Amino acid sequence: MPRVVVDVMLKPEILDPQGQAVANALPRLGVSDVASVRIGRRIEIEFTGEPDLDRAREIADKLLANPVIEDFTVRLVETDETADAHS
């Protein structure tokens, strides 16, 4: 069954201290070819019937994201794609 995935990210102009902390730690792990890191959230929504992208956008806009500092995208994925994302 398809799921709706909502990806929430800070807007590009908003400072991301978590991302900066990760980027600063990477050289200690021997990783030197990463220019920057941004941290976000992934939310998966399963509807009881057919996935409703318009309803998911409404949920994201009103509940999952702060539109002042965050942007979000809504997309439909197949179940096997969500399993791959977790590995």
Protein backbone atom coordinates (compact mmCIF):
# COMPACT_ATOMS: atom_id res chain seq x y z
CA MET A 1 0.00 0.00 0.00
CA PRO A 2 1.39 3.44 -0.90
CA ARG A 3 2.28 5.86 1.86
CA VAL A 4 2.49 9.61 1.91
CA VAL A 5 5.89 10.92 2.98
CA VAL A 6 6.30 14.46 4.28
CA ASP A 7 9.86 15.80 4.38
CA VAL A 8 10.31 18.87 6.58
CA MET A 9 13.48 20.97 6.33
CA LEU A 10 14.58 24.29 7.73
CA LYS A 11 14.43 27.04 5.12
CA PRO A 12 17.84 27.67 3.53
CA GLU A 13 18.20 31.06 5.22
CA ILE A 14 17.64 29.56 8.72
CA LEU A 15 20.75 28.53 10.66
CA ASP A 16 20.92 24.76 11.28
CA PRO A 17 23.06 24.16 14.41
CA GLN A 18 22.46 20.39 14.34
CA GLY A 19 23.64 20.19 10.76
CA GLN A 20 26.68 22.31 11.58
CA ALA A 21 27.55 20.04 14.52
CA VAL A 22 27.40 16.97 12.27
CA ALA A 23 29.45 18.69 9.55
CA ASN A 24 32.07 19.71 12.13
CA ALA A 25 32.30 16.13 13.46
CA LEU A 26 32.79 14.49 10.06
CA PRO A 27 36.54 15.25 9.76
CA ARG A 28 37.09 13.35 13.04
CA LEU A 29 35.60 10.33 11.26
CA GLY A 30 37.92 10.77 8.31
CA VAL A 31 35.29 12.37 6.06
CA SER A 32 36.63 15.51 4.45
CA ASP A 33 34.60 15.86 1.25
CA VAL A 34 31.29 17.08 2.75
CA ALA A 35 30.65 20.83 2.33
CA SER A 36 27.55 21.13 4.54
CA VAL A 37 24.86 19.14 6.33
CA ARG A 38 21.20 20.07 6.91
CA ILE A 39 19.05 18.09 9.36
CA GLY A 40 15.33 17.56 8.72
CA ARG A 41 12.44 15.27 9.52
CA ARG A 42 10.68 12.56 7.54
CA ILE A 43 7.08 11.74 8.46
CA GLU A 44 5.22 8.79 6.92
CA ILE A 45 1.43 8.89 6.84
CA GLU A 46 -0.75 5.86 6.14
CA PHE A 47 -4.37 6.58 5.30
CA THR A 48 -7.09 3.99 5.89
CA GLY A 49 -8.15 4.23 2.25
CA GLU A 50 -6.45 5.73 -0.76
CA PRO A 51 -3.60 8.13 0.05
CA ASP A 52 -4.82 11.74 -0.02
CA LEU A 53 -2.01 14.14 -0.97
CA ASP A 54 -4.17 17.23 -0.49
CA ARG A 55 -5.10 16.13 3.04
CA ALA A 56 -1.43 15.34 3.75
CA ARG A 57 -0.44 18.85 2.60
CA GLU A 58 -3.04 20.32 4.94
CA ILE A 59 -1.74 18.20 7.84
CA ALA A 60 1.84 19.23 7.08
CA ASP A 61 0.98 22.91 6.79
CA LYS A 62 -1.10 23.05 9.98
CA LEU A 63 0.67 20.53 12.23
CA LEU A 64 3.95 19.05 11.01
CA ALA A 65 5.87 22.11 9.81
CA ASN A 66 6.35 25.65 11.05
CA PRO A 67 5.87 27.66 7.83
CA VAL A 68 7.84 30.60 9.24
CA ILE A 69 11.12 28.65 9.41
CA GLU A 70 10.47 25.35 7.59
CA ASP A 71 9.58 24.13 4.12
CA PHE A 72 7.98 20.78 3.40
CA THR A 73 7.42 18.44 0.48
CA VAL A 74 4.71 15.81 0.18
CA ARG A 75 5.09 12.73 -2.01
CA LEU A 76 3.62 9.31 -2.55
CA VAL A 77 5.94 6.30 -2.16
CA GLU A 78 5.43 2.59 -2.49
CA THR A 79 5.84 0.47 0.63
CA ASP A 80 9.13 -1.06 -0.56
CA GLU A 81 10.62 2.46 -0.90
CA THR A 82 9.87 3.22 2.75
CA ALA A 83 11.53 -0.05 3.78
CA ASP A 84 14.65 0.86 1.79
CA ALA A 85 14.83 4.24 3.48
CA HIS A 86 15.08 2.61 6.90
CA SER A 87 18.09 0.43 6.14
